[in-house]
């Protein structure tokens, strides 16, 4: 009878029952089972199999930890470019060999700056804006950029040729932009997150916010935005209305979105990063690692990057587990405003801005990010 009952135990149930035992104790139990005739053979076999699996899992975990530790020590700053960036003025573009995109070319705030990700003196300037640029974003899949200025003008660029391929009027002062496929999103002081089809310039949707829109993200058919003074983050459907919104205890300053995994991340003035489920609205985890307001987020694959306002630290997290992977010290002189991450190129870029010292305002590039 006992044999029949134990045969019905799944591997998962047996693992749960024995999970509190140390590996050495499980090994001893398995040895006893080989010699004690009173233990049903099914149970003994399951126990031995579990012991082998745990041995393999432990060895794999130790190897993974060893690789991560080596990776942590290998990441280093490899390039720095002078550029006066504040706000959402930084992006990475994987197309064309890899570019760091800045809302300013050097100190010229009316030109989009493009710098080689691997360093070097050669840079490009995209001209056309008649007012200071406030935000840039990239769509690496399509090889395009978008920039938005203080007059609400959005310009979509072909990154390969440097040509402006579309101009869209979005209203007033723009604080944040996002680009994916045929859709371009913008938000700013008008307390609206707008979605346009950039080829025609047509306004597709306008979503009201409780405050100035400080950050935007587009992924799949979802648009996420945060309004700083309203302390709210929201996710909307490109084809419909608002799906979810979350209140925060302090100003929300940054957002990242991954529609495929139904997850959204927010950076908040309370120094925390939060992860939310788009399906249920539940807050899945809270990440603590910064000493100041989290005002920049970037997501690539399973790695999430965050930067703090004045703590001069860039933290890297596992997006799926919330595990802290590593942190990078930003040896800048000012405030860290923005971060962008590219796993394809294996780099992270951050921008620190020293408003009173133009020589101290730089974009800093770190590599390698071959996360094991």
Protein backbone atom coordinates (compact mmCIF):
# COMPACT_ATOMS: atom_id res chain seq x y z
CA UNK A 1 0.00 0.00 0.00
CA UNK A 2 2.83 2.37 0.93
CA UNK A 3 4.50 1.60 -2.40
CA UNK A 4 1.37 2.63 -4.31
CA UNK A 5 1.04 5.86 -2.36
CA UNK A 6 4.67 6.82 -2.89
CA UNK A 7 4.45 6.10 -6.60
CA UNK A 8 1.89 8.88 -6.82
CA UNK A 9 4.33 11.44 -5.40
CA UNK A 10 5.57 13.79 -8.11
CA UNK A 11 9.16 14.89 -8.27
CA UNK A 12 8.02 18.39 -7.34
CA UNK A 13 6.23 17.19 -4.18
CA UNK A 14 9.17 15.09 -3.12
CA UNK A 15 11.50 18.01 -3.73
CA UNK A 16 9.30 20.26 -1.60
CA UNK A 17 9.22 17.73 1.25
CA UNK A 18 13.00 17.42 1.27
CA UNK A 19 13.96 20.97 0.34
CA UNK A 20 14.74 21.84 3.96
CA UNK A 21 17.39 19.12 4.19
CA UNK A 22 21.03 19.99 3.44
CA UNK A 23 22.62 18.21 0.52
CA UNK A 24 24.77 16.03 2.82
CA UNK A 25 21.68 14.82 4.72
CA UNK A 26 19.89 13.90 1.48
CA UNK A 27 22.95 11.92 0.43
CA UNK A 28 22.88 9.99 3.70
CA UNK A 29 19.16 9.26 3.30
CA UNK A 30 19.82 7.92 -0.19
CA UNK A 31 22.58 5.65 1.16
CA UNK A 32 20.27 4.30 3.87
CA UNK A 33 17.57 3.61 1.29
CA UNK A 34 19.93 1.34 -0.64
CA UNK A 35 20.37 -0.96 2.40
CA UNK A 36 17.12 -0.68 4.35
CA UNK A 37 14.61 -3.19 3.05
CA UNK A 38 11.68 -1.47 4.77
CA UNK A 39 11.83 1.51 2.38
CA UNK A 40 9.79 1.01 -0.83
CA UNK A 41 12.00 0.85 -3.92
CA UNK A 42 10.11 3.67 -5.68
CA UNK A 43 10.85 6.09 -2.86
CA UNK A 44 14.52 5.05 -2.74
CA UNK A 45 14.91 5.58 -6.49
CA UNK A 46 13.24 9.00 -6.34
CA UNK A 47 15.46 10.04 -3.47
CA UNK A 48 18.64 8.99 -5.30
CA UNK A 49 17.52 10.82 -8.42
CA UNK A 50 16.85 13.95 -6.38
CA UNK A 51 20.32 13.75 -4.86
CA UNK A 52 21.91 13.58 -8.33
CA UNK A 53 19.85 16.53 -9.54
CA UNK A 54 20.81 18.61 -6.53
CA UNK A 55 24.50 17.80 -7.06
CA UNK A 56 24.23 18.93 -10.70
CA UNK A 57 22.25 22.04 -9.75
CA UNK A 58 24.78 23.01 -7.08
CA UNK A 59 27.71 22.60 -9.46
CA UNK A 60 25.92 24.67 -12.12
CA UNK A 61 25.08 27.41 -9.59
CA UNK A 62 28.68 27.61 -8.39
CA UNK A 63 29.94 27.88 -11.98
CA UNK A 64 27.41 30.61 -12.72
CA UNK A 65 28.44 32.55 -9.61
CA UNK A 66 32.10 32.23 -10.59
CA UNK A 67 31.39 33.58 -14.08
CA UNK A 68 29.35 36.47 -12.69
CA UNK A 69 32.13 37.43 -10.29
CA UNK A 70 34.64 37.49 -13.16
CA UNK A 71 32.20 39.57 -15.22
CA UNK A 72 31.76 42.08 -12.39
CA UNK A 73 35.50 42.73 -12.27
CA UNK A 74 35.81 42.94 -16.07
CA UNK A 75 33.33 45.80 -16.61
CA UNK A 76 35.19 49.07 -17.05
CA UNK A 77 34.82 52.52 -18.57
CA UNK A 78 36.10 52.48 -22.15
CA UNK A 79 35.00 55.82 -23.59
CA UNK A 80 33.76 59.25 -22.55
CA UNK A 81 32.25 62.02 -24.68
CA UNK A 82 31.65 65.66 -23.67
CA UNK A 83 27.94 66.38 -23.80
CA UNK A 84 25.68 68.49 -21.62
CA UNK A 85 22.78 66.07 -20.98
CA UNK A 86 19.93 66.47 -18.54
CA UNK A 87 16.65 64.60 -18.63
CA UNK A 88 15.93 61.84 -21.17
CA UNK A 89 18.72 62.81 -23.53
CA UNK A 90 20.56 59.51 -24.05
CA UNK A 91 20.01 56.39 -26.17
CA UNK A 92 22.01 53.52 -27.68
CA UNK A 93 21.56 52.48 -31.29
CA UNK A 94 22.86 49.05 -32.34
CA UNK A 95 22.52 49.69 -36.08
CA UNK A 96 25.45 50.83 -38.22
CA UNK A 97 28.18 49.49 -35.95
CA UNK A 98 26.71 50.96 -32.78
CA UNK A 99 26.17 54.59 -31.76
CA UNK A 100 25.69 56.53 -28.55
CA UNK A 101 22.93 59.05 -29.25
CA UNK A 102 22.82 62.32 -27.33
CA UNK A 103 20.31 65.14 -27.28
CA UNK A 104 23.24 67.51 -27.81
CA UNK A 105 26.24 67.42 -30.12
CA UNK A 106 28.91 68.51 -27.69
CA UNK A 107 27.40 71.64 -26.16
CA UNK A 108 25.14 72.46 -29.11
CA UNK A 109 21.66 71.70 -27.82
CA UNK A 110 19.93 72.03 -31.21
CA UNK A 111 21.78 69.12 -32.82
CA UNK A 112 21.43 65.40 -32.14
CA UNK A 113 24.86 63.97 -31.41
CA UNK A 114 25.95 60.50 -32.52
CA UNK A 115 29.17 58.99 -31.13
CA UNK A 116 30.76 55.60 -31.94
CA UNK A 117 30.04 53.17 -29.09
CA UNK A 118 33.60 51.86 -29.17
CA UNK A 119 35.10 55.31 -28.77
CA UNK A 120 37.05 57.44 -31.19
CA UNK A 121 36.96 61.07 -32.22
CA UNK A 122 34.59 60.70 -35.18
CA UNK A 123 31.06 61.86 -34.44
CA UNK A 124 27.97 62.94 -36.37
CA UNK A 125 25.57 65.82 -35.85
CA UNK A 126 21.95 65.68 -37.04
CA UNK A 127 20.70 69.19 -37.76
CA UNK A 128 17.18 70.51 -38.21
CA UNK A 129 15.74 71.55 -34.86
CA UNK A 130 15.27 75.27 -34.34
CA UNK A 131 14.96 74.96 -30.55
CA UNK A 132 16.82 73.09 -27.82
CA UNK A 133 16.31 69.33 -27.85
CA UNK A 134 14.97 67.80 -24.63
CA UNK A 135 14.82 64.05 -25.35
CA UNK A 136 15.97 61.34 -27.74
CA UNK A 137 15.11 57.66 -28.23
CA UNK A 138 16.18 54.90 -30.62
CA UNK A 139 14.60 51.97 -32.43
CA UNK A 140 17.58 49.71 -33.12
CA UNK A 141 15.52 47.15 -35.01
CA UNK A 142 14.57 49.70 -37.66
CA UNK A 143 17.70 51.87 -37.43
CA UNK A 144 15.78 55.04 -36.56
CA UNK A 145 15.96 57.82 -33.96
CA UNK A 146 13.47 60.34 -32.63
CA UNK A 147 14.17 63.67 -30.98
CA UNK A 148 11.83 66.18 -29.34
CA UNK A 149 12.43 69.86 -28.53
CA UNK A 150 11.06 72.56 -26.25
CA UNK A 151 8.57 73.70 -28.91
CA UNK A 152 7.00 70.25 -29.19
CA UNK A 153 8.55 69.36 -32.54
CA UNK A 154 9.43 65.69 -33.02
CA UNK A 155 11.88 64.62 -35.70
CA UNK A 156 12.35 61.03 -36.87
CA UNK A 157 15.78 60.28 -38.34
CA UNK A 158 17.26 57.53 -40.48
CA UNK A 159 20.35 56.74 -38.42
CA UNK A 160 22.24 55.23 -41.37
CA UNK A 161 22.01 58.31 -43.59
CA UNK A 162 21.40 61.01 -40.97
CA UNK A 163 18.37 62.25 -42.91
CA UNK A 164 15.22 63.55 -41.21
CA UNK A 165 12.43 61.36 -42.61
CA UNK A 166 9.45 62.82 -40.72
CA UNK A 167 8.44 65.81 -38.62
CA UNK A 168 5.54 65.65 -36.15
CA UNK A 169 4.09 68.46 -34.05
CA UNK A 170 3.32 67.20 -30.56
CA UNK A 171 2.20 70.28 -28.66
CA UNK A 172 4.25 72.00 -25.96
CA UNK A 173 7.55 71.35 -24.22
CA UNK A 174 8.63 67.70 -24.62
CA UNK A 175 10.27 65.89 -21.70
CA UNK A 176 10.28 62.31 -23.04
CA UNK A 177 9.99 60.43 -26.34
CA UNK A 178 9.80 56.80 -27.46
CA UNK A 179 9.90 55.13 -30.88
CA UNK A 180 8.88 51.70 -32.10
CA UNK A 181 7.99 50.76 -35.67
CA UNK A 182 5.50 53.27 -37.07
CA UNK A 183 4.58 54.72 -33.67
CA UNK A 184 6.22 57.65 -31.90
CA UNK A 185 5.23 58.71 -28.38
CA UNK A 186 5.88 61.97 -26.58
CA UNK A 187 5.03 63.55 -23.27
CA UNK A 188 5.76 66.78 -21.43
CA UNK A 189 4.37 69.73 -19.55
CA UNK A 190 0.85 69.48 -21.00
CA UNK A 191 0.08 66.46 -18.77
CA UNK A 192 -0.57 64.26 -21.80
CA UNK A 193 1.13 61.22 -23.29
CA UNK A 194 0.60 61.40 -27.04
CA UNK A 195 0.95 58.63 -29.62
CA UNK A 196 1.40 59.56 -33.29
CA UNK A 197 1.88 57.59 -36.50
CA UNK A 198 5.00 59.34 -37.66
CA UNK A 199 4.68 58.67 -41.40
CA UNK A 200 1.41 60.60 -41.62
CA UNK A 201 1.82 62.75 -38.53
CA UNK A 202 -1.66 61.71 -37.40
CA UNK A 203 -2.46 61.67 -33.69
CA UNK A 204 -3.52 58.14 -32.76
CA UNK A 205 -4.15 58.53 -29.02
CA UNK A 206 -3.75 61.06 -26.21
CA UNK A 207 -3.67 59.73 -22.66
CA UNK A 208 -4.19 62.16 -19.73
CA UNK A 209 -1.67 62.21 -16.89
CA UNK A 210 -1.87 63.64 -13.39
CA UNK A 211 1.32 65.65 -13.82
CA UNK A 212 4.13 66.41 -16.25
CA UNK A 213 5.08 63.27 -18.21
CA UNK A 214 8.67 62.55 -17.15
CA UNK A 215 9.27 59.18 -18.82
CA UNK A 216 7.92 56.99 -21.64
CA UNK A 217 8.38 53.46 -22.95
CA UNK A 218 6.96 51.59 -25.95
CA UNK A 219 6.97 47.79 -26.18
CA UNK A 220 4.77 45.67 -28.42
CA UNK A 221 1.29 47.21 -28.37
CA UNK A 222 1.79 48.84 -24.96
CA UNK A 223 2.75 52.39 -23.97
CA UNK A 224 3.91 53.18 -20.44
CA UNK A 225 4.43 56.62 -18.93
CA UNK A 226 5.17 58.20 -15.56
CA UNK A 227 4.20 61.65 -14.31
CA UNK A 228 6.56 63.01 -11.70
CA UNK A 229 4.35 65.37 -9.71
CA UNK A 230 1.34 63.07 -10.01
CA UNK A 231 3.29 60.15 -8.50
CA UNK A 232 1.63 57.79 -10.95
CA UNK A 233 2.71 55.23 -13.54
CA UNK A 234 0.31 53.99 -16.21
CA UNK A 235 0.28 51.41 -19.00
CA UNK A 236 -2.02 51.87 -21.99
CA UNK A 237 -2.91 49.92 -25.09
CA UNK A 238 -1.81 51.47 -28.35
CA UNK A 239 -5.17 50.49 -29.84
CA UNK A 240 -7.33 51.30 -26.82
CA UNK A 241 -7.35 53.07 -23.47
CA UNK A 242 -5.57 52.93 -20.14
CA UNK A 243 -5.06 49.37 -18.85
CA UNK A 244 -3.30 49.82 -15.51
CA UNK A 245 -2.11 52.61 -13.25
CA UNK A 246 -0.14 52.55 -10.03
CA UNK A 247 0.24 55.21 -7.35
CA UNK A 248 3.65 55.72 -5.74
CA UNK A 249 4.65 57.29 -2.42
CA UNK A 250 6.90 59.84 -4.18
CA UNK A 251 7.48 61.31 -7.63
CA UNK A 252 7.83 58.74 -10.42
CA UNK A 253 10.73 59.66 -12.69
CA UNK A 254 11.50 56.73 -15.01
CA UNK A 255 9.81 53.72 -16.61
CA UNK A 256 10.80 50.58 -18.52
CA UNK A 257 8.43 48.16 -20.22
CA UNK A 258 8.54 44.61 -21.57
CA UNK A 259 5.23 43.63 -23.12
CA UNK A 260 6.36 40.06 -23.90
CA UNK A 261 6.77 39.26 -20.19
CA UNK A 262 3.89 41.55 -19.12
CA UNK A 263 6.17 43.55 -16.80
CA UNK A 264 6.71 47.25 -16.12
CA UNK A 265 9.41 48.84 -13.95
CA UNK A 266 9.35 52.29 -12.39
CA UNK A 267 12.03 54.48 -10.85
CA UNK A 268 10.90 56.66 -7.97
CA UNK A 269 12.13 59.56 -5.84
CA UNK A 270 11.96 57.26 -2.79
CA UNK A 271 15.19 55.58 -4.10
CA UNK A 272 13.41 52.36 -5.12
CA UNK A 273 12.74 50.45 -8.36
CA UNK A 274 9.40 48.64 -8.53
CA UNK A 275 8.29 45.83 -10.83
CA UNK A 276 4.60 45.45 -11.73
CA UNK A 277 2.62 42.74 -13.50
CA UNK A 278 0.60 44.14 -16.41
CA UNK A 279 -1.97 41.33 -16.22
CA UNK A 280 -2.87 41.51 -12.53
CA UNK A 281 -1.59 44.94 -11.54
CA UNK A 282 0.33 43.37 -8.65
CA UNK A 283 3.62 44.83 -7.45
CA UNK A 284 5.91 41.83 -7.89
CA UNK A 285 9.06 43.14 -6.24
CA UNK A 286 10.81 46.23 -4.93
CA UNK A 287 14.53 46.71 -5.66
CA UNK A 288 16.66 48.72 -3.22
CA UNK A 289 20.21 49.71 -4.09
CA UNK A 290 20.32 53.46 -4.59
CA UNK A 291 21.01 56.27 -2.16
CA UNK A 292 19.06 58.90 -4.12
CA UNK A 293 16.08 59.22 -6.44
CA UNK A 294 16.03 56.70 -9.30
CA UNK A 295 15.66 58.87 -12.39
CA UNK A 296 16.84 56.56 -15.17
CA UNK A 297 15.94 53.01 -16.27
CA UNK A 298 16.91 50.93 -19.30
CA UNK A 299 15.93 47.35 -20.13
CA UNK A 300 17.62 44.91 -22.52
CA UNK A 301 16.76 41.21 -22.49
CA UNK A 302 16.86 40.03 -18.89
CA UNK A 303 19.04 42.89 -17.63
CA UNK A 304 17.62 46.09 -16.12
CA UNK A 305 19.85 49.11 -15.52
CA UNK A 306 19.02 51.93 -13.10
CA UNK A 307 20.79 55.15 -12.09
CA UNK A 308 20.39 57.38 -9.06
CA UNK A 309 20.21 61.16 -9.20
CA UNK A 310 23.21 62.06 -7.03
CA UNK A 311 24.53 58.72 -5.76
CA UNK A 312 26.62 58.26 -8.95
CA UNK A 313 25.84 54.54 -9.13
CA UNK A 314 24.49 52.47 -12.00
CA UNK A 315 22.88 49.24 -10.77
CA UNK A 316 22.32 46.19 -12.95
CA UNK A 317 19.55 43.74 -12.02
CA UNK A 318 18.13 40.49 -13.34
CA UNK A 319 14.73 41.53 -14.70
CA UNK A 320 13.26 38.06 -14.15
CA UNK A 321 14.43 37.42 -10.59
CA UNK A 322 15.23 40.88 -9.22
CA UNK A 323 18.73 39.72 -8.27
CA UNK A 324 21.35 42.46 -8.02
CA UNK A 325 24.00 41.63 -10.63
CA UNK A 326 26.51 44.39 -10.07
CA UNK A 327 26.88 48.14 -9.58
CA UNK A 328 29.15 50.59 -11.38
CA UNK A 329 30.64 53.71 -9.83
CA UNK A 330 30.23 56.78 -12.05
CA UNK A 331 33.33 58.91 -11.58
CA UNK A 332 31.60 62.06 -12.74
CA UNK A 333 31.41 65.51 -11.23
CA UNK A 334 27.69 66.16 -11.48
CA UNK A 335 24.26 64.54 -11.44
CA UNK A 336 23.60 61.25 -13.24
CA UNK A 337 20.59 61.88 -15.46
CA UNK A 338 20.24 59.04 -17.91
CA UNK A 339 21.20 55.44 -18.67
CA UNK A 340 20.95 53.23 -21.75
CA UNK A 341 21.77 49.55 -22.12
CA UNK A 342 22.63 47.35 -25.11
CA UNK A 343 23.32 43.64 -24.68
CA UNK A 344 23.87 43.21 -28.43
CA UNK A 345 26.85 45.56 -28.27
CA UNK A 346 27.66 44.60 -24.68
CA UNK A 347 27.75 48.14 -23.28
CA UNK A 348 26.03 50.48 -20.86
CA UNK A 349 26.12 54.27 -21.26
CA UNK A 350 25.35 56.84 -18.58
CA UNK A 351 25.21 60.63 -18.68
CA UNK A 352 26.30 62.86 -15.83
CA UNK A 353 25.62 66.58 -15.99
CA UNK A 354 27.48 69.28 -14.10
CA UNK A 355 25.42 72.36 -14.88
CA UNK A 356 28.07 74.82 -13.78
CA UNK A 357 31.01 73.05 -15.42
CA UNK A 358 30.71 72.09 -19.08
CA UNK A 359 34.02 70.21 -18.95
CA UNK A 360 32.57 67.89 -16.30
CA UNK A 361 29.44 66.91 -18.26
CA UNK A 362 30.06 63.64 -20.06
CA UNK A 363 28.54 60.48 -21.53
CA UNK A 364 30.44 57.49 -20.14
CA UNK A 365 30.49 54.09 -21.83
CA UNK A 366 31.22 50.84 -19.96
CA UNK A 367 31.89 47.35 -21.34
CA UNK A 368 31.87 44.39 -21.61
CA UNK A 369 28.37 43.41 -20.57
CA UNK A 370 28.54 39.80 -21.70
CA UNK A 371 26.34 38.78 -18.76
CA UNK A 372 26.73 35.02 -18.14
